[in-house]
């Protein structure tokens, strides 16, 4: 339970800010996190991690395979539930590996957990902001894909390149990246709390189905991936946990902007996040015990 209190406190501050109807610079925080602090976190974490390159490649493979499994399972279940597959597939597929995944991985599993979570988050983020948005425009000519999240991509490329070259940066540069990157987790949690307090609650019924699909396909994909790829127990546990995360808030924002099912996506965010937080001690324990 120790990992959960800091998460609830930070998210609670954001939620209380929304309930008091105080101004929140959402666009500024979003740009700051996506363009500055998250790339700094990704760069510093991947560059300084003690995990070897072979293991990082295994984590990368696990993320890609897990994403494919989640997308396939989610598409099947949405079809069986008679819900619009193209419009809700990103909502049911992509977990909240950023706002919730990074802080819980760090607090529950330490620096190794954060490294694994950052690697998975970087992969999921690239696909969510490109292919995920393109999918929403399947039947809508007006939809345009989001800009490529170049900050995260550049941070990944730079960190991997420096690791391959075995090049060491001066300590002040690393310290600066660490300081800026350390803002990411609290800012993400504040934004998560604020978003949860402001999203629509009018479609909790159908949204609950999508939310349960998200949690279910995440669990199945996590088990499948860790069974197929030989990962150390701690690393495998974090991989499972990241795929178990609830619906990403950004999925709701995209659904609201580009489709007619924004309220269903909002309900999915509320239901899946609430269920995850309630059962998170059990889920973290189960993920940690996953071989």
C-alpha atoms as a PDB file:
ATOM      1  CA  UNK A   1       0.000   0.000   0.000  1.00  0.00           C
ATOM      2  CA  UNK A   2       2.967   2.313   0.505  1.00  0.00           C
ATOM      3  CA  UNK A   3       3.242   3.097  -3.206  1.00  0.00           C
ATOM      4  CA  UNK A   4      -0.414   4.116  -3.461  1.00  0.00           C
ATOM      5  CA  UNK A   5      -0.516   7.014  -0.980  1.00  0.00           C
ATOM      6  CA  UNK A   6       1.778   9.377  -2.950  1.00  0.00           C
ATOM      7  CA  UNK A   7      -0.236   8.631  -6.096  1.00  0.00           C
ATOM      8  CA  UNK A   8      -3.546   9.406  -4.392  1.00  0.00           C
ATOM      9  CA  UNK A   9      -2.201  12.547  -2.729  1.00  0.00           C
ATOM     10  CA  UNK A  10      -0.885  14.068  -5.968  1.00  0.00           C
ATOM     11  CA  UNK A  11      -3.941  13.063  -8.001  1.00  0.00           C
ATOM     12  CA  UNK A  12      -6.192  14.252  -5.171  1.00  0.00           C
ATOM     13  CA  UNK A  13      -4.634  17.705  -5.278  1.00  0.00           C
ATOM     14  CA  UNK A  14      -5.404  17.915  -8.995  1.00  0.00           C
ATOM     15  CA  UNK A  15      -8.964  16.680  -8.441  1.00  0.00           C
ATOM     16  CA  UNK A  16      -9.610  19.128  -5.604  1.00  0.00           C
ATOM     17  CA  UNK A  17      -8.305  21.948  -7.780  1.00  0.00           C
ATOM     18  CA  UNK A  18     -10.888  21.010 -10.407  1.00  0.00           C
ATOM     19  CA  UNK A  19     -13.723  20.637  -7.890  1.00  0.00           C
ATOM     20  CA  UNK A  20     -12.989  24.117  -6.569  1.00  0.00           C
ATOM     21  CA  UNK A  21     -13.281  25.318 -10.185  1.00  0.00           C
ATOM     22  CA  UNK A  22      -9.883  26.974 -10.087  1.00  0.00           C
ATOM     23  CA  UNK A  23      -8.055  27.718 -13.310  1.00  0.00           C
ATOM     24  CA  UNK A  24      -5.645  24.998 -14.390  1.00  0.00           C
ATOM     25  CA  UNK A  25      -3.147  25.720 -17.181  1.00  0.00           C
ATOM     26  CA  UNK A  26      -3.851  22.396 -18.870  1.00  0.00           C
ATOM     27  CA  UNK A  27      -2.361  23.268 -22.239  1.00  0.00           C
ATOM     28  CA  UNK A  28       0.814  24.667 -20.666  1.00  0.00           C
ATOM     29  CA  UNK A  29       1.265  21.616 -18.432  1.00  0.00           C
ATOM     30  CA  UNK A  30       0.564  19.260 -21.335  1.00  0.00           C
ATOM     31  CA  UNK A  31       3.126  20.916 -23.594  1.00  0.00           C
ATOM     32  CA  UNK A  32       5.656  21.136 -20.757  1.00  0.00           C
ATOM     33  CA  UNK A  33       5.287  17.445 -19.929  1.00  0.00           C
ATOM     34  CA  UNK A  34       5.245  16.105 -23.483  1.00  0.00           C
ATOM     35  CA  UNK A  35       7.906  18.390 -24.957  1.00  0.00           C
ATOM     36  CA  UNK A  36      10.314  19.006 -22.068  1.00  0.00           C
ATOM     37  CA  UNK A  37      10.056  17.004 -18.860  1.00  0.00           C
ATOM     38  CA  UNK A  38       9.146  13.591 -20.320  1.00  0.00           C
ATOM     39  CA  UNK A  39      11.920  13.652 -22.946  1.00  0.00           C
ATOM     40  CA  UNK A  40      14.345  14.620 -20.162  1.00  0.00           C
ATOM     41  CA  UNK A  41      13.099  11.724 -18.029  1.00  0.00           C
ATOM     42  CA  UNK A  42      13.342   9.259 -20.919  1.00  0.00           C
ATOM     43  CA  UNK A  43      16.817  10.473 -21.878  1.00  0.00           C
ATOM     44  CA  UNK A  44      18.258  10.360 -18.363  1.00  0.00           C
ATOM     45  CA  UNK A  45      16.645   7.038 -17.467  1.00  0.00           C
ATOM     46  CA  UNK A  46      17.680   5.161 -20.607  1.00  0.00           C
ATOM     47  CA  UNK A  47      21.178   6.631 -20.581  1.00  0.00           C
ATOM     48  CA  UNK A  48      21.982   5.930 -16.936  1.00  0.00           C
ATOM     49  CA  UNK A  49      20.118   2.659 -16.376  1.00  0.00           C
ATOM     50  CA  UNK A  50      22.115  -0.313 -15.148  1.00  0.00           C
ATOM     51  CA  UNK A  51      20.039  -2.673 -17.282  1.00  0.00           C
ATOM     52  CA  UNK A  52      22.099  -4.077 -20.146  1.00  0.00           C
ATOM     53  CA  UNK A  53      21.314  -3.387 -23.792  1.00  0.00           C
ATOM     54  CA  UNK A  54      20.129  -6.943 -24.489  1.00  0.00           C
ATOM     55  CA  UNK A  55      17.538  -6.699 -21.720  1.00  0.00           C
ATOM     56  CA  UNK A  56      16.354  -3.316 -23.004  1.00  0.00           C
ATOM     57  CA  UNK A  57      15.813  -4.907 -26.425  1.00  0.00           C
ATOM     58  CA  UNK A  58      13.781  -7.675 -24.783  1.00  0.00           C
ATOM     59  CA  UNK A  59      11.645  -5.030 -23.054  1.00  0.00           C
ATOM     60  CA  UNK A  60      11.184  -3.277 -26.403  1.00  0.00           C
ATOM     61  CA  UNK A  61      10.087  -6.553 -28.005  1.00  0.00           C
ATOM     62  CA  UNK A  62       7.711  -7.211 -25.108  1.00  0.00           C
ATOM     63  CA  UNK A  63       6.139  -3.770 -25.537  1.00  0.00           C
ATOM     64  CA  UNK A  64       5.608  -4.224 -29.280  1.00  0.00           C
ATOM     65  CA  UNK A  65       4.255  -7.757 -28.923  1.00  0.00           C
ATOM     66  CA  UNK A  66       2.021  -6.750 -26.035  1.00  0.00           C
ATOM     67  CA  UNK A  67       0.619  -3.823 -27.997  1.00  0.00           C
ATOM     68  CA  UNK A  68      -0.217  -6.097 -30.932  1.00  0.00           C
ATOM     69  CA  UNK A  69      -1.906  -8.655 -28.667  1.00  0.00           C
ATOM     70  CA  UNK A  70      -3.921  -5.977 -26.851  1.00  0.00           C
ATOM     71  CA  UNK A  71      -5.091  -4.428 -30.124  1.00  0.00           C
ATOM     72  CA  UNK A  72      -6.213  -7.769 -31.566  1.00  0.00           C
ATOM     73  CA  UNK A  73      -8.037  -8.864 -28.418  1.00  0.00           C
ATOM     74  CA  UNK A  74      -9.649  -5.449 -27.942  1.00  0.00           C
ATOM     75  CA  UNK A  75     -10.910  -5.415 -31.541  1.00  0.00           C
ATOM     76  CA  UNK A  76     -12.510  -8.845 -31.110  1.00  0.00           C
ATOM     77  CA  UNK A  77     -14.164  -7.969 -27.793  1.00  0.00           C
ATOM     78  CA  UNK A  78     -15.455  -4.608 -29.033  1.00  0.00           C
ATOM     79  CA  UNK A  79     -16.964  -6.344 -32.053  1.00  0.00           C
ATOM     80  CA  UNK A  80     -18.626  -8.969 -29.853  1.00  0.00           C
ATOM     81  CA  UNK A  81     -19.957  -6.192 -27.602  1.00  0.00           C
ATOM     82  CA  UNK A  82     -21.408  -4.466 -30.691  1.00  0.00           C
ATOM     83  CA  UNK A  83     -19.441  -1.302 -30.038  1.00  0.00           C
ATOM     84  CA  UNK A  84     -17.768   0.804 -32.778  1.00  0.00           C
ATOM     85  CA  UNK A  85     -14.402  -0.892 -33.192  1.00  0.00           C
ATOM     86  CA  UNK A  86     -12.471   1.788 -35.093  1.00  0.00           C
ATOM     87  CA  UNK A  87     -13.617   4.604 -32.809  1.00  0.00           C
ATOM     88  CA  UNK A  88     -13.007   2.786 -29.504  1.00  0.00           C
ATOM     89  CA  UNK A  89     -10.022   0.577 -30.333  1.00  0.00           C
ATOM     90  CA  UNK A  90      -7.419   3.124 -29.127  1.00  0.00           C
ATOM     91  CA  UNK A  91      -9.392   3.591 -25.894  1.00  0.00           C
ATOM     92  CA  UNK A  92      -9.516  -0.158 -25.248  1.00  0.00           C
ATOM     93  CA  UNK A  93      -5.939  -0.805 -26.370  1.00  0.00           C
ATOM     94  CA  UNK A  94      -3.632   1.860 -24.965  1.00  0.00           C
ATOM     95  CA  UNK A  95      -3.004   1.789 -21.196  1.00  0.00           C
ATOM     96  CA  UNK A  96      -2.280   4.826 -19.070  1.00  0.00           C
ATOM     97  CA  UNK A  97       1.427   4.036 -19.052  1.00  0.00           C
ATOM     98  CA  UNK A  98       2.326   7.689 -18.456  1.00  0.00           C
ATOM     99  CA  UNK A  99       0.189   9.489 -15.867  1.00  0.00           C
ATOM    100  CA  UNK A 100      -0.303   6.357 -13.769  1.00  0.00           C
ATOM    101  CA  UNK A 101       2.169   3.791 -15.071  1.00  0.00           C
ATOM    102  CA  UNK A 102       5.364   5.743 -14.458  1.00  0.00           C
ATOM    103  CA  UNK A 103       4.681   6.799 -10.847  1.00  0.00           C
ATOM    104  CA  UNK A 104       3.369   3.394  -9.744  1.00  0.00           C
ATOM    105  CA  UNK A 105       6.279   1.563 -11.385  1.00  0.00           C
ATOM    106  CA  UNK A 106       8.765   3.880  -9.688  1.00  0.00           C
ATOM    107  CA  UNK A 107       7.105   3.790  -6.271  1.00  0.00           C
ATOM    108  CA  UNK A 108       6.417   0.044  -6.283  1.00  0.00           C
ATOM    109  CA  UNK A 109       9.516  -1.279  -8.068  1.00  0.00           C
ATOM    110  CA  UNK A 110      12.171   1.426  -7.682  1.00  0.00           C
ATOM    111  CA  UNK A 111      14.589   2.654 -10.324  1.00  0.00           C
ATOM    112  CA  UNK A 112      14.544  -0.628 -12.253  1.00  0.00           C
ATOM    113  CA  UNK A 113      10.777  -0.389 -12.417  1.00  0.00           C
ATOM    114  CA  UNK A 114      10.972   3.183 -13.682  1.00  0.00           C
ATOM    115  CA  UNK A 115      13.436   2.198 -16.409  1.00  0.00           C
ATOM    116  CA  UNK A 116      11.198  -0.597 -17.657  1.00  0.00           C
ATOM    117  CA  UNK A 117       8.123   1.643 -17.470  1.00  0.00           C
ATOM    118  CA  UNK A 118       9.838   4.485 -19.337  1.00  0.00           C
ATOM    119  CA  UNK A 119      10.872   2.129 -22.145  1.00  0.00           C
ATOM    120  CA  UNK A 120       7.335   0.775 -22.518  1.00  0.00           C
ATOM    121  CA  UNK A 121       5.790   4.231 -22.216  1.00  0.00           C
ATOM    122  CA  UNK A 122       8.018   5.573 -24.987  1.00  0.00           C
ATOM    123  CA  UNK A 123       6.884   2.831 -27.373  1.00  0.00           C
ATOM    124  CA  UNK A 124       3.203   3.122 -26.493  1.00  0.00           C
ATOM    125  CA  UNK A 125       3.345   6.912 -26.755  1.00  0.00           C
ATOM    126  CA  UNK A 126       4.795   6.824 -30.262  1.00  0.00           C
ATOM    127  CA  UNK A 127       2.040   4.516 -31.501  1.00  0.00           C
ATOM    128  CA  UNK A 128      -0.790   6.198 -29.606  1.00  0.00           C
ATOM    129  CA  UNK A 129      -0.091   9.658 -30.997  1.00  0.00           C
ATOM    130  CA  UNK A 130       0.326   8.437 -34.578  1.00  0.00           C
ATOM    131  CA  UNK A 131      -1.368   5.159 -35.530  1.00  0.00           C
ATOM    132  CA  UNK A 132      -3.949   5.559 -32.774  1.00  0.00           C
ATOM    133  CA  UNK A 133      -5.092   8.915 -34.131  1.00  0.00           C
ATOM    134  CA  UNK A 134      -4.959   7.743 -37.740  1.00  0.00           C
ATOM    135  CA  UNK A 135      -7.295   4.905 -36.783  1.00  0.00           C
ATOM    136  CA  UNK A 136      -9.830   7.384 -35.411  1.00  0.00           C
ATOM    137  CA  UNK A 137      -9.877   9.008 -38.843  1.00  0.00           C
ATOM    138  CA  UNK A 138     -10.744   5.721 -40.569  1.00  0.00           C
ATOM    139  CA  UNK A 139     -14.187   7.037 -41.502  1.00  0.00           C
ATOM    140  CA  UNK A 140     -13.553  10.784 -41.121  1.00  0.00           C
ATOM    141  CA  UNK A 141     -11.697  12.824 -43.699  1.00  0.00           C
ATOM    142  CA  UNK A 142     -11.479  15.762 -41.335  1.00  0.00           C
ATOM    143  CA  UNK A 143      -9.342  13.853 -38.839  1.00  0.00           C
ATOM    144  CA  UNK A 144      -5.639  14.518 -39.006  1.00  0.00           C
ATOM    145  CA  UNK A 145      -2.979  12.596 -37.111  1.00  0.00           C
ATOM    146  CA  UNK A 146      -1.291  14.191 -34.150  1.00  0.00           C
ATOM    147  CA  UNK A 147       2.170  15.558 -34.584  1.00  0.00           C
ATOM    148  CA  UNK A 148       4.841  12.925 -34.055  1.00  0.00           C
ATOM    149  CA  UNK A 149       5.944  13.109 -30.417  1.00  0.00           C
ATOM    150  CA  UNK A 150       9.421  14.186 -31.524  1.00  0.00           C
ATOM    151  CA  UNK A 151      10.661  15.022 -28.037  1.00  0.00           C
ATOM    152  CA  UNK A 152      10.272  11.473 -26.745  1.00  0.00           C
ATOM    153  CA  UNK A 153      11.525   9.987 -30.020  1.00  0.00           C
ATOM    154  CA  UNK A 154      14.606  12.237 -30.044  1.00  0.00           C
ATOM    155  CA  UNK A 155      15.325  11.432 -26.392  1.00  0.00           C
ATOM    156  CA  UNK A 156      15.172   7.697 -27.118  1.00  0.00           C
ATOM    157  CA  UNK A 157      17.425   7.964 -30.159  1.00  0.00           C
ATOM    158  CA  UNK A 158      19.943  10.174 -28.352  1.00  0.00           C
ATOM    159  CA  UNK A 159      20.107   7.942 -25.276  1.00  0.00           C
ATOM    160  CA  UNK A 160      20.452   4.737 -27.302  1.00  0.00           C
ATOM    161  CA  UNK A 161      23.083   6.316 -29.550  1.00  0.00           C
ATOM    162  CA  UNK A 162      25.188   7.489 -26.614  1.00  0.00           C
ATOM    163  CA  UNK A 163      24.916   4.053 -24.978  1.00  0.00           C
ATOM    164  CA  UNK A 164      26.055   2.311 -28.150  1.00  0.00           C
ATOM    165  CA  UNK A 165      28.986   4.715 -28.477  1.00  0.00           C
ATOM    166  CA  UNK A 166      29.779   4.275 -24.778  1.00  0.00           C
ATOM    167  CA  UNK A 167      29.946   8.063 -24.500  1.00  0.00           C
ATOM    168  CA  UNK A 168      29.684   9.689 -21.084  1.00  0.00           C
ATOM    169  CA  UNK A 169      28.113  13.115 -20.712  1.00  0.00           C
ATOM    170  CA  UNK A 170      29.380  15.636 -18.146  1.00  0.00           C
ATOM    171  CA  UNK A 171      27.774  15.266 -14.730  1.00  0.00           C
ATOM    172  CA  UNK A 172      26.096  18.726 -14.813  1.00  0.00           C
ATOM    173  CA  UNK A 173      24.225  17.803 -18.003  1.00  0.00           C
ATOM    174  CA  UNK A 174      22.997  14.543 -16.501  1.00  0.00           C
ATOM    175  CA  UNK A 175      22.016  16.344 -13.307  1.00  0.00           C
ATOM    176  CA  UNK A 176      20.050  18.904 -15.322  1.00  0.00           C
ATOM    177  CA  UNK A 177      18.217  16.169 -17.234  1.00  0.00           C
ATOM    178  CA  UNK A 178      17.444  14.396 -13.963  1.00  0.00           C
ATOM    179  CA  UNK A 179      16.126  17.584 -12.335  1.00  0.00           C
ATOM    180  CA  UNK A 180      13.880  18.487 -15.264  1.00  0.00           C
ATOM    181  CA  UNK A 181      12.733  14.886 -15.699  1.00  0.00           C
ATOM    182  CA  UNK A 182      11.809  14.609 -12.024  1.00  0.00           C
ATOM    183  CA  UNK A 183       8.963  17.076 -12.656  1.00  0.00           C
ATOM    184  CA  UNK A 184       7.227  14.570 -14.934  1.00  0.00           C
ATOM    185  CA  UNK A 185       5.628  12.219 -12.408  1.00  0.00           C
ATOM    186  CA  UNK A 186       4.026  14.840 -10.108  1.00  0.00           C
ATOM    187  CA  UNK A 187       2.809  16.910 -13.064  1.00  0.00           C
ATOM    188  CA  UNK A 188       1.287  13.819 -14.676  1.00  0.00           C
ATOM    189  CA  UNK A 189      -0.512  12.885 -11.460  1.00  0.00           C
ATOM    190  CA  UNK A 190      -1.841  16.412 -10.956  1.00  0.00           C
ATOM    191  CA  UNK A 191      -3.173  16.398 -14.520  1.00  0.00           C
ATOM    192  CA  UNK A 192      -4.658  12.926 -14.054  1.00  0.00           C
ATOM    193  CA  UNK A 193      -6.562  14.008 -10.953  1.00  0.00           C
ATOM    194  CA  UNK A 194      -7.793  17.177 -12.627  1.00  0.00           C
ATOM    195  CA  UNK A 195      -8.903  15.274 -15.730  1.00  0.00           C
ATOM    196  CA  UNK A 196     -10.753  12.598 -13.757  1.00  0.00           C
ATOM    197  CA  UNK A 197     -12.679  15.285 -11.893  1.00  0.00           C
ATOM    198  CA  UNK A 198     -13.751  17.053 -15.077  1.00  0.00           C
ATOM    199  CA  UNK A 199     -14.531  14.292 -17.604  1.00  0.00           C
ATOM    200  CA  UNK A 200     -18.150  13.518 -18.460  1.00  0.00           C
ATOM    201  CA  UNK A 201     -19.987  10.935 -16.344  1.00  0.00           C
ATOM    202  CA  UNK A 202     -23.021  10.567 -18.603  1.00  0.00           C
ATOM    203  CA  UNK A 203     -21.957   7.320 -20.304  1.00  0.00           C
ATOM    204  CA  UNK A 204     -20.633   5.243 -17.436  1.00  0.00           C
ATOM    205  CA  UNK A 205     -22.742   2.244 -18.553  1.00  0.00           C
ATOM    206  CA  UNK A 206     -21.235   1.553 -21.990  1.00  0.00           C
ATOM    207  CA  UNK A 207     -17.979   3.079 -20.814  1.00  0.00           C
ATOM    208  CA  UNK A 208     -17.700   0.431 -18.119  1.00  0.00           C
ATOM    209  CA  UNK A 209     -17.718  -2.271 -20.806  1.00  0.00           C
ATOM    210  CA  UNK A 210     -14.837  -0.598 -22.627  1.00  0.00           C
ATOM    211  CA  UNK A 211     -12.996  -0.041 -19.347  1.00  0.00           C
ATOM    212  CA  UNK A 212     -13.315  -3.714 -18.421  1.00  0.00           C
ATOM    213  CA  UNK A 213     -12.106  -4.691 -21.890  1.00  0.00           C
ATOM    214  CA  UNK A 214      -9.025  -2.487 -21.396  1.00  0.00           C
ATOM    215  CA  UNK A 215      -8.159  -4.116 -18.075  1.00  0.00           C
ATOM    216  CA  UNK A 216      -8.909  -7.601 -19.387  1.00  0.00           C
ATOM    217  CA  UNK A 217      -6.839  -7.409 -22.564  1.00  0.00           C
ATOM    218  CA  UNK A 218      -4.005  -5.839 -20.595  1.00  0.00           C
ATOM    219  CA  UNK A 219      -3.929  -8.765 -18.183  1.00  0.00           C
ATOM    220  CA  UNK A 220      -4.070 -11.331 -20.988  1.00  0.00           C
ATOM    221  CA  UNK A 221      -1.384  -9.589 -23.027  1.00  0.00           C
ATOM    222  CA  UNK A 222       0.884  -9.264 -20.003  1.00  0.00           C
ATOM    223  CA  UNK A 223       0.621 -12.967 -19.234  1.00  0.00           C
ATOM    224  CA  UNK A 224       1.163 -13.921 -22.880  1.00  0.00           C
ATOM    225  CA  UNK A 225       4.197 -11.683 -23.350  1.00  0.00           C
ATOM    226  CA  UNK A 226       5.971 -12.748 -20.166  1.00  0.00           C
ATOM    227  CA  UNK A 227       5.324 -16.382 -21.080  1.00  0.00           C
ATOM    228  CA  UNK A 228       6.884 -15.987 -24.521  1.00  0.00           C
ATOM    229  CA  UNK A 229       9.811 -13.695 -23.655  1.00  0.00           C
ATOM    230  CA  UNK A 230      12.245 -14.733 -20.946  1.00  0.00           C
ATOM    231  CA  UNK A 231      12.459 -11.712 -18.653  1.00  0.00           C
ATOM    232  CA  UNK A 232      13.816 -11.415 -15.098  1.00  0.00           C
ATOM    233  CA  UNK A 233      10.958 -11.657 -12.551  1.00  0.00           C
ATOM    234  CA  UNK A 234      11.089  -7.992 -11.541  1.00  0.00           C
ATOM    235  CA  UNK A 235      11.204  -6.783 -15.134  1.00  0.00           C
ATOM    236  CA  UNK A 236       8.418  -9.151 -16.148  1.00  0.00           C
ATOM    237  CA  UNK A 237       6.299  -7.896 -13.276  1.00  0.00           C
ATOM    238  CA  UNK A 238       6.635  -4.293 -14.413  1.00  0.00           C
ATOM    239  CA  UNK A 239       5.807  -5.290 -18.001  1.00  0.00           C
ATOM    240  CA  UNK A 240       2.599  -6.957 -16.806  1.00  0.00           C
ATOM    241  CA  UNK A 241       1.738  -3.965 -14.626  1.00  0.00           C
ATOM    242  CA  UNK A 242       2.173  -1.480 -17.466  1.00  0.00           C
ATOM    243  CA  UNK A 243      -0.173  -3.448 -19.688  1.00  0.00           C
ATOM    244  CA  UNK A 244      -2.688  -3.668 -16.838  1.00  0.00           C
ATOM    245  CA  UNK A 245      -3.013   0.104 -16.576  1.00  0.00           C
ATOM    246  CA  UNK A 246      -6.482   1.654 -17.085  1.00  0.00           C
ATOM    247  CA  UNK A 247      -7.622   3.675 -20.085  1.00  0.00           C
ATOM    248  CA  UNK A 248      -5.304   6.558 -20.918  1.00  0.00           C
ATOM    249  CA  UNK A 249      -6.816  10.015 -20.437  1.00  0.00           C
ATOM    250  CA  UNK A 250      -5.406  11.107 -23.789  1.00  0.00           C
ATOM    251  CA  UNK A 251      -7.515   8.390 -25.456  1.00  0.00           C
ATOM    252  CA  UNK A 252     -10.619  10.158 -24.171  1.00  0.00           C
ATOM    253  CA  UNK A 253      -9.324  13.524 -25.396  1.00  0.00           C
ATOM    254  CA  UNK A 254      -8.733  12.147 -28.885  1.00  0.00           C
ATOM    255  CA  UNK A 255     -12.096  10.336 -28.926  1.00  0.00           C
ATOM    256  CA  UNK A 256     -13.848  13.539 -27.847  1.00  0.00           C
ATOM    257  CA  UNK A 257     -12.111  15.521 -30.565  1.00  0.00           C
ATOM    258  CA  UNK A 258     -12.324  13.130 -33.499  1.00  0.00           C
ATOM    259  CA  UNK A 259     -15.307  10.788 -32.903  1.00  0.00           C
ATOM    260  CA  UNK A 260     -18.878  10.681 -31.606  1.00  0.00           C
ATOM    261  CA  UNK A 261     -18.025   8.303 -28.740  1.00  0.00           C
ATOM    262  CA  UNK A 262     -16.162  10.732 -26.504  1.00  0.00           C
ATOM    263  CA  UNK A 263     -18.585  10.215 -23.610  1.00  0.00           C
ATOM    264  CA  UNK A 264     -18.174   6.431 -23.782  1.00  0.00           C
ATOM    265  CA  UNK A 265     -14.401   6.877 -23.689  1.00  0.00           C
ATOM    266  CA  UNK A 266     -14.765   9.213 -20.703  1.00  0.00           C
ATOM    267  CA  UNK A 267     -16.823   6.595 -18.877  1.00  0.00           C
ATOM    268  CA  UNK A 268     -14.149   4.020 -19.666  1.00  0.00           C
ATOM    269  CA  UNK A 269     -11.481   6.257 -18.124  1.00  0.00           C
ATOM    270  CA  UNK A 270     -13.488   6.731 -14.925  1.00  0.00           C
ATOM    271  CA  UNK A 271     -14.481   3.089 -14.471  1.00  0.00           C
ATOM    272  CA  UNK A 272     -11.133   1.509 -15.358  1.00  0.00           C
ATOM    273  CA  UNK A 273      -9.121   4.001 -13.288  1.00  0.00           C
ATOM    274  CA  UNK A 274     -11.393   3.599 -10.259  1.00  0.00           C
ATOM    275  CA  UNK A 275     -11.240  -0.198 -10.449  1.00  0.00           C
ATOM    276  CA  UNK A 276      -7.481  -0.160 -10.936  1.00  0.00           C
ATOM    277  CA  UNK A 277      -6.867   2.090  -7.939  1.00  0.00           C
ATOM    278  CA  UNK A 278      -9.179   0.015  -5.722  1.00  0.00           C
ATOM    279  CA  UNK A 279      -7.463  -3.238  -6.618  1.00  0.00           C
ATOM    280  CA  UNK A 280      -3.974  -1.819  -7.245  1.00  0.00           C
ATOM    281  CA  UNK A 281      -2.378  -3.421  -4.144  1.00  0.00           C
ATOM    282  CA  UNK A 282      -3.561  -6.834  -5.349  1.00  0.00           C
ATOM    283  CA  UNK A 283      -2.624  -6.089  -8.962  1.00  0.00           C
ATOM    284  CA  UNK A 284       0.870  -4.924  -8.038  1.00  0.00           C
ATOM    285  CA  UNK A 285       1.329  -8.013  -5.877  1.00  0.00           C
ATOM    286  CA  UNK A 286       0.110 -10.249  -8.681  1.00  0.00           C
ATOM    287  CA  UNK A 287       2.360  -8.537 -11.226  1.00  0.00           C
ATOM    288  CA  UNK A 288       5.353  -8.891  -8.900  1.00  0.00           C
ATOM    289  CA  UNK A 289       4.635 -12.618  -8.540  1.00  0.00           C
ATOM    290  CA  UNK A 290       4.341 -13.162 -12.296  1.00  0.00           C
ATOM    291  CA  UNK A 291       7.223 -15.424 -13.393  1.00  0.00           C
END
